[in-house]
Amino acid sequence: MKILQRWKQKAKTLRQELHAIYLACKDPRTPRYAKAVAACVVGYALSPIDLIPDPIPILGYVDDFALLPLGIAAVRKMIPPAVLALSLI
């Protein structure tokens, strides 16, 4: 049961981070390269083409669960702290 609660909390945090990144990308102070990487992360998340195809049991989703948080973390590091702080409010 605690695992389910932990996953729900992580999903909620991820949702908040995605919304903050979205708002930060709309800010003109965010560098273009950060916006480009954010677009690539979103494109990969929505793309039917994966590194490991999804029909392969378990392994098909591992790349999604590994690469998406890494991509989000990379985008967060590229966004200026002042812009990100305003987006997280």
N, C-alpha and C. Protein backbone atom coordinates (compact mmCIF):
# COMPACT_ATOMS: atom_id res chain seq x y z
N MET A 1 0.82 -1.20 0.00
CA MET A 1 0.00 0.00 0.00
C MET A 1 0.86 1.26 0.00
N LYS A 2 1.98 1.22 0.72
CA LYS A 2 2.85 2.39 0.76
C LYS A 2 3.48 2.65 -0.60
N ILE A 3 3.71 1.60 -1.37
CA ILE A 3 4.28 1.76 -2.71
C ILE A 3 3.31 2.53 -3.59
N LEU A 4 2.04 2.20 -3.50
CA LEU A 4 1.02 2.89 -4.29
C LEU A 4 0.95 4.37 -3.91
N GLN A 5 1.01 4.67 -2.62
CA GLN A 5 0.99 6.06 -2.18
C GLN A 5 2.23 6.80 -2.66
N ARG A 6 3.37 6.13 -2.64
CA ARG A 6 4.61 6.77 -3.10
C ARG A 6 4.53 7.07 -4.59
N TRP A 7 3.96 6.14 -5.38
CA TRP A 7 3.81 6.36 -6.82
C TRP A 7 2.85 7.51 -7.09
N LYS A 8 1.77 7.58 -6.30
CA LYS A 8 0.81 8.68 -6.48
C LYS A 8 1.47 10.02 -6.18
N GLN A 9 2.30 10.05 -5.13
CA GLN A 9 2.99 11.29 -4.79
C GLN A 9 3.97 11.69 -5.88
N LYS A 10 4.69 10.71 -6.42
CA LYS A 10 5.64 11.00 -7.51
C LYS A 10 4.91 11.50 -8.74
N ALA A 11 3.75 10.91 -9.04
CA ALA A 11 2.97 11.35 -10.19
C ALA A 11 2.47 12.78 -10.00
N LYS A 12 2.07 13.11 -8.78
CA LYS A 12 1.62 14.47 -8.49
C LYS A 12 2.77 15.45 -8.62
N THR A 13 3.94 15.09 -8.11
CA THR A 13 5.12 15.95 -8.22
C THR A 13 5.51 16.14 -9.68
N LEU A 14 5.47 15.06 -10.46
CA LEU A 14 5.80 15.13 -11.87
C LEU A 14 4.85 16.05 -12.61
N ARG A 15 3.59 15.97 -12.28
CA ARG A 15 2.58 16.83 -12.90
C ARG A 15 2.86 18.30 -12.59
N GLN A 16 3.21 18.59 -11.34
CA GLN A 16 3.53 19.97 -10.95
C GLN A 16 4.78 20.46 -11.67
N GLU A 17 5.78 19.60 -11.79
CA GLU A 17 7.01 19.98 -12.48
C GLU A 17 6.76 20.25 -13.95
N LEU A 18 5.94 19.41 -14.58
CA LEU A 18 5.61 19.62 -15.99
C LEU A 18 4.89 20.95 -16.19
N HIS A 19 3.98 21.26 -15.29
CA HIS A 19 3.26 22.53 -15.40
C HIS A 19 4.22 23.70 -15.19
N ALA A 20 5.14 23.59 -14.25
CA ALA A 20 6.12 24.65 -14.02
C ALA A 20 7.03 24.83 -15.24
N ILE A 21 7.43 23.73 -15.85
CA ILE A 21 8.26 23.82 -17.06
C ILE A 21 7.48 24.47 -18.19
N TYR A 22 6.22 24.12 -18.31
CA TYR A 22 5.37 24.74 -19.34
C TYR A 22 5.31 26.25 -19.14
N LEU A 23 5.07 26.69 -17.91
CA LEU A 23 5.01 28.12 -17.64
C LEU A 23 6.37 28.79 -17.86
N ALA A 24 7.44 28.09 -17.48
CA ALA A 24 8.78 28.66 -17.67
C ALA A 24 9.11 28.79 -19.15
N CYS A 25 8.65 27.86 -19.96
CA CYS A 25 8.92 27.94 -21.41
C CYS A 25 8.17 29.09 -22.07
N LYS A 26 7.11 29.53 -21.47
CA LYS A 26 6.39 30.69 -22.00
C LYS A 26 7.07 32.00 -21.63
N ASP A 27 7.96 31.95 -20.65
CA ASP A 27 8.65 33.15 -20.18
C ASP A 27 9.76 33.52 -21.17
N PRO A 28 9.87 34.79 -21.56
CA PRO A 28 10.91 35.18 -22.52
C PRO A 28 12.33 35.08 -21.97
N ARG A 29 12.50 34.99 -20.66
CA ARG A 29 13.84 34.88 -20.07
C ARG A 29 14.41 33.47 -20.16
N THR A 30 13.58 32.50 -20.52
CA THR A 30 14.05 31.12 -20.65
C THR A 30 14.81 30.99 -21.97
N PRO A 31 16.02 30.43 -21.92
CA PRO A 31 16.82 30.29 -23.15
C PRO A 31 16.14 29.39 -24.18
N ARG A 32 16.44 29.65 -25.43
CA ARG A 32 15.83 28.86 -26.51
C ARG A 32 16.23 27.39 -26.45
N TYR A 33 17.48 27.12 -26.04
CA TYR A 33 17.91 25.73 -25.98
C TYR A 33 17.12 24.95 -24.93
N ALA A 34 16.73 25.61 -23.84
CA ALA A 34 15.91 24.94 -22.82
C ALA A 34 14.52 24.64 -23.39
N LYS A 35 14.00 25.58 -24.15
CA LYS A 35 12.69 25.36 -24.78
C LYS A 35 12.76 24.23 -25.80
N ALA A 36 13.88 24.16 -26.53
CA ALA A 36 14.05 23.10 -27.53
C ALA A 36 14.14 21.73 -26.87
N VAL A 37 14.89 21.64 -25.78
CA VAL A 37 15.00 20.36 -25.07
C VAL A 37 13.65 19.98 -24.48
N ALA A 38 12.93 20.94 -23.94
CA ALA A 38 11.59 20.66 -23.40
C ALA A 38 10.67 20.14 -24.50
N ALA A 39 10.75 20.72 -25.69
CA ALA A 39 9.93 20.25 -26.81
C ALA A 39 10.31 18.82 -27.20
N CYS A 40 11.61 18.52 -27.15
CA CYS A 40 12.05 17.15 -27.47
C CYS A 40 11.56 16.14 -26.44
N VAL A 41 11.56 16.52 -25.17
CA VAL A 41 11.08 15.62 -24.11
C VAL A 41 9.59 15.35 -24.29
N VAL A 42 8.84 16.41 -24.56
CA VAL A 42 7.39 16.24 -24.78
C VAL A 42 7.15 15.42 -26.04
N GLY A 43 7.91 15.71 -27.09
CA GLY A 43 7.77 14.94 -28.33
C GLY A 43 8.06 13.47 -28.13
N TYR A 44 9.09 13.16 -27.36
CA TYR A 44 9.41 11.76 -27.09
C TYR A 44 8.30 11.10 -26.28
N ALA A 45 7.75 11.83 -25.33
CA ALA A 45 6.68 11.27 -24.49
C ALA A 45 5.44 10.95 -25.32
N LEU A 46 5.14 11.79 -26.30
CA LEU A 46 3.94 11.60 -27.10
C LEU A 46 4.16 10.76 -28.37
N SER A 47 5.40 10.54 -28.71
CA SER A 47 5.72 9.82 -29.94
C SER A 47 5.45 8.32 -29.81
N PRO A 48 4.93 7.71 -30.86
CA PRO A 48 4.74 6.26 -30.82
C PRO A 48 6.05 5.50 -31.04
N ILE A 49 7.10 6.21 -31.42
CA ILE A 49 8.40 5.57 -31.65
C ILE A 49 9.23 5.68 -30.37
N ASP A 50 9.70 4.55 -29.87
CA ASP A 50 10.48 4.49 -28.63
C ASP A 50 11.81 3.80 -28.90
N LEU A 51 12.73 3.94 -27.95
CA LEU A 51 13.98 3.19 -28.04
C LEU A 51 13.70 1.69 -27.94
N ILE A 52 12.84 1.34 -27.00
CA ILE A 52 12.41 -0.04 -26.83
C ILE A 52 10.90 -0.05 -27.08
N PRO A 53 10.42 -0.80 -28.07
CA PRO A 53 8.98 -0.78 -28.38
C PRO A 53 8.12 -1.19 -27.18
N ASP A 54 7.00 -0.50 -27.01
CA ASP A 54 6.11 -0.76 -25.88
C ASP A 54 5.50 -2.16 -25.85
N PRO A 55 5.26 -2.82 -26.98
CA PRO A 55 4.68 -4.17 -26.90
C PRO A 55 5.58 -5.20 -26.21
N ILE A 56 6.87 -4.91 -26.07
CA ILE A 56 7.75 -5.84 -25.35
C ILE A 56 7.40 -5.72 -23.87
N PRO A 57 6.99 -6.82 -23.24
CA PRO A 57 6.56 -6.75 -21.84
C PRO A 57 7.63 -6.14 -20.92
N ILE A 58 7.21 -5.31 -20.05
CA ILE A 58 7.99 -4.61 -19.02
C ILE A 58 9.07 -3.71 -19.62
N LEU A 59 9.95 -4.26 -20.44
CA LEU A 59 11.05 -3.47 -21.01
C LEU A 59 10.56 -2.31 -21.87
N GLY A 60 9.40 -2.48 -22.48
CA GLY A 60 8.87 -1.44 -23.35
C GLY A 60 8.56 -0.14 -22.62
N TYR A 61 8.25 -0.24 -21.34
CA TYR A 61 7.92 0.95 -20.56
C TYR A 61 9.09 1.46 -19.74
N VAL A 62 10.13 0.66 -19.61
CA VAL A 62 11.28 1.07 -18.80
C VAL A 62 11.94 2.32 -19.39
N ASP A 63 12.07 2.39 -20.71
CA ASP A 63 12.70 3.58 -21.29
C ASP A 63 11.88 4.82 -21.03
N ASP A 64 10.55 4.71 -21.06
CA ASP A 64 9.70 5.85 -20.77
C ASP A 64 9.87 6.31 -19.32
N PHE A 65 9.88 5.36 -18.41
CA PHE A 65 9.99 5.69 -16.99
C PHE A 65 11.39 6.17 -16.61
N ALA A 66 12.38 5.87 -17.42
CA ALA A 66 13.74 6.32 -17.13
C ALA A 66 14.07 7.62 -17.85
N LEU A 67 13.76 7.71 -19.13
CA LEU A 67 14.16 8.86 -19.93
C LEU A 67 13.35 10.12 -19.66
N LEU A 68 12.07 9.96 -19.40
CA LEU A 68 11.25 11.16 -19.19
C LEU A 68 11.65 11.92 -17.92
N PRO A 69 11.82 11.27 -16.78
CA PRO A 69 12.28 12.04 -15.61
C PRO A 69 13.67 12.64 -15.81
N LEU A 70 14.55 11.94 -16.52
CA LEU A 70 15.88 12.49 -16.80
C LEU A 70 15.78 13.72 -17.70
N GLY A 71 14.90 13.66 -18.68
CA GLY A 71 14.70 14.81 -19.56
C GLY A 71 14.12 16.00 -18.83
N ILE A 72 13.18 15.74 -17.95
CA ILE A 72 12.58 16.82 -17.16
C ILE A 72 13.63 17.43 -16.24
N ALA A 73 14.45 16.60 -15.63
CA ALA A 73 15.52 17.11 -14.76
C ALA A 73 16.51 17.97 -15.55
N ALA A 74 16.82 17.54 -16.76
CA ALA A 74 17.75 18.31 -17.60
C ALA A 74 17.16 19.67 -17.96
N VAL A 75 15.90 19.70 -18.29
CA VAL A 75 15.24 20.97 -18.63
C VAL A 75 15.20 21.88 -17.41
N ARG A 76 14.92 21.32 -16.25
CA ARG A 76 14.89 22.13 -15.02
C ARG A 76 16.23 22.79 -14.76
N LYS A 77 17.32 22.08 -15.06
CA LYS A 77 18.65 22.65 -14.83
C LYS A 77 18.97 23.76 -15.82
N MET A 78 18.35 23.73 -16.99
CA MET A 78 18.61 24.73 -18.02
C MET A 78 17.82 26.02 -17.81
N ILE A 79 16.73 25.92 -17.09
CA ILE A 79 15.88 27.09 -16.86
C ILE A 79 16.48 27.92 -15.74
N PRO A 80 16.59 29.24 -15.93
CA PRO A 80 17.14 30.09 -14.87
C PRO A 80 16.34 29.93 -13.56
N PRO A 81 17.04 29.89 -12.43
CA PRO A 81 16.36 29.67 -11.14
C PRO A 81 15.25 30.69 -10.84
N ALA A 82 15.45 31.94 -11.24
CA ALA A 82 14.43 32.97 -10.98
C ALA A 82 13.14 32.67 -11.74
N VAL A 83 13.28 32.21 -12.97
CA VAL A 83 12.10 31.89 -13.78
C VAL A 83 11.41 30.65 -13.22
N LEU A 84 12.19 29.65 -12.86
CA LEU A 84 11.62 28.41 -12.33
C LEU A 84 10.92 28.68 -11.00
N ALA A 85 11.49 29.52 -10.18
CA ALA A 85 10.87 29.84 -8.88
C ALA A 85 9.51 30.50 -9.08
N LEU A 86 9.41 31.38 -10.06
CA LEU A 86 8.12 32.02 -10.33
C LEU A 86 7.11 31.03 -10.89
N SER A 87 7.59 30.04 -11.63
CA SER A 87 6.70 29.05 -12.24
C SER A 87 6.18 28.05 -11.22
N LEU A 88 6.94 27.81 -10.17
CA LEU A 88 6.54 26.82 -9.16
C LEU A 88 5.52 27.37 -8.16
N ILE A 89 5.32 28.66 -8.16
CA ILE A 89 4.38 29.26 -7.19
C ILE A 89 2.97 28.88 -7.53
